[in-house]
Amino acid sequence: MAQHCSDSADQGRSDDVLGVAETCAFFGGQERPIDRSTLYRGIRRGIYPRPIRIGANSSRWLKSECEEARKRFIGERGPAFQ
């Protein structure tokens, strides 16, 4: 379930949050989401954005940060693929 927080300093920025399953699907697609362990390994390596801890056993990812990471992946492919 996505939540939206509004702040006057961040107008126009999506602060929807994604759970771990949604984040895995965001990066891997609905048909073949990346594995949870792949996500956390990528976070340690700086590939994927770090989650926001919202409780002792609960994390969420800012959708805007995930979108930025995906744009970076596309940019790293080079001009022949853009």
Protein backbone atom coordinates (compact mmCIF):
# COMPACT_ATOMS: atom_id res chain seq x y z
CA MET A 1 0.00 0.00 0.00
CA ALA A 2 1.51 3.31 -1.08
CA GLN A 3 1.41 6.40 1.08
CA HIS A 4 1.83 10.00 0.01
CA CYS A 5 3.41 12.72 2.13
CA SER A 6 3.13 16.31 1.03
CA ASP A 7 5.69 18.96 1.94
CA SER A 8 5.89 22.46 0.48
CA ALA A 9 9.67 22.11 -0.03
CA ASP A 10 9.23 18.98 -2.16
CA GLN A 11 6.32 20.00 -4.37
CA GLY A 12 6.19 17.96 -7.55
CA ARG A 13 8.23 15.14 -6.02
CA SER A 14 6.61 11.77 -5.48
CA ASP A 15 7.18 10.50 -1.97
CA ASP A 16 5.16 7.34 -2.44
CA VAL A 17 6.72 4.44 -0.59
CA LEU A 18 7.17 0.84 -1.72
CA GLY A 19 7.40 -2.32 0.36
CA VAL A 20 10.09 -4.90 -0.28
CA ALA A 21 7.97 -6.96 -2.72
CA GLU A 22 6.94 -3.83 -4.62
CA THR A 23 10.56 -2.66 -4.77
CA CYS A 24 11.72 -6.03 -6.11
CA ALA A 25 8.99 -5.86 -8.77
CA PHE A 26 9.88 -2.24 -9.58
CA PHE A 27 13.44 -3.22 -10.47
CA GLY A 28 12.79 -6.63 -11.98
CA GLY A 29 9.29 -6.33 -13.39
CA GLN A 30 6.00 -7.90 -12.38
CA GLU A 31 6.69 -11.16 -14.22
CA ARG A 32 10.19 -11.73 -12.79
CA PRO A 33 10.91 -9.47 -9.82
CA ILE A 34 14.43 -9.46 -8.47
CA ASP A 35 15.01 -11.64 -5.43
CA ARG A 36 14.94 -10.02 -2.01
CA SER A 37 18.54 -11.11 -1.38
CA THR A 38 19.57 -9.46 -4.68
CA LEU A 39 17.96 -6.21 -3.53
CA TYR A 40 19.75 -6.20 -0.17
CA ARG A 41 23.08 -7.22 -1.75
CA GLY A 42 22.66 -4.33 -4.22
CA ILE A 43 21.93 -1.92 -1.38
CA ARG A 44 25.21 -2.89 0.33
CA ARG A 45 27.04 -2.32 -2.98
CA GLY A 46 25.35 1.05 -3.57
CA ILE A 47 23.37 -0.13 -6.61
CA TYR A 48 19.88 0.21 -5.14
CA PRO A 49 18.64 2.96 -2.80
CA ARG A 50 18.65 2.37 0.94
CA PRO A 51 15.29 1.77 2.62
CA ILE A 52 13.66 3.91 5.26
CA ARG A 53 13.19 2.03 8.52
CA ILE A 54 9.62 2.57 9.73
CA GLY A 55 9.67 0.00 12.50
CA ALA A 56 11.72 -2.74 14.11
CA ASN A 57 11.02 -5.18 11.26
CA SER A 58 9.66 -2.92 8.57
CA SER A 59 11.33 -0.97 5.76
CA ARG A 60 10.05 1.08 2.84
CA TRP A 61 11.71 2.60 -0.21
CA LEU A 62 10.96 6.03 -1.62
CA LYS A 63 9.59 5.51 -5.10
CA SER A 64 11.31 8.71 -6.25
CA GLU A 65 14.71 7.28 -5.24
CA CYS A 66 13.94 4.00 -7.02
CA GLU A 67 13.00 5.95 -10.16
CA GLU A 68 16.28 7.89 -9.96
CA ALA A 69 18.24 4.63 -9.67
CA ARG A 70 16.42 3.16 -12.67
CA LYS A 71 17.20 6.28 -14.73
CA ARG A 72 20.86 5.91 -13.71
CA PHE A 73 20.84 2.27 -14.92
CA ILE A 74 19.46 3.38 -18.27
CA GLY A 75 22.02 6.19 -18.54
CA GLU A 76 24.88 3.80 -17.84
CA ARG A 77 23.93 1.70 -20.87
CA GLY A 78 25.47 4.29 -23.17
CA PRO A 79 24.17 6.35 -26.09
CA ALA A 80 23.63 3.35 -28.39
CA PHE A 81 20.85 2.11 -26.10
CA GLN A 82 19.14 5.39 -25.17
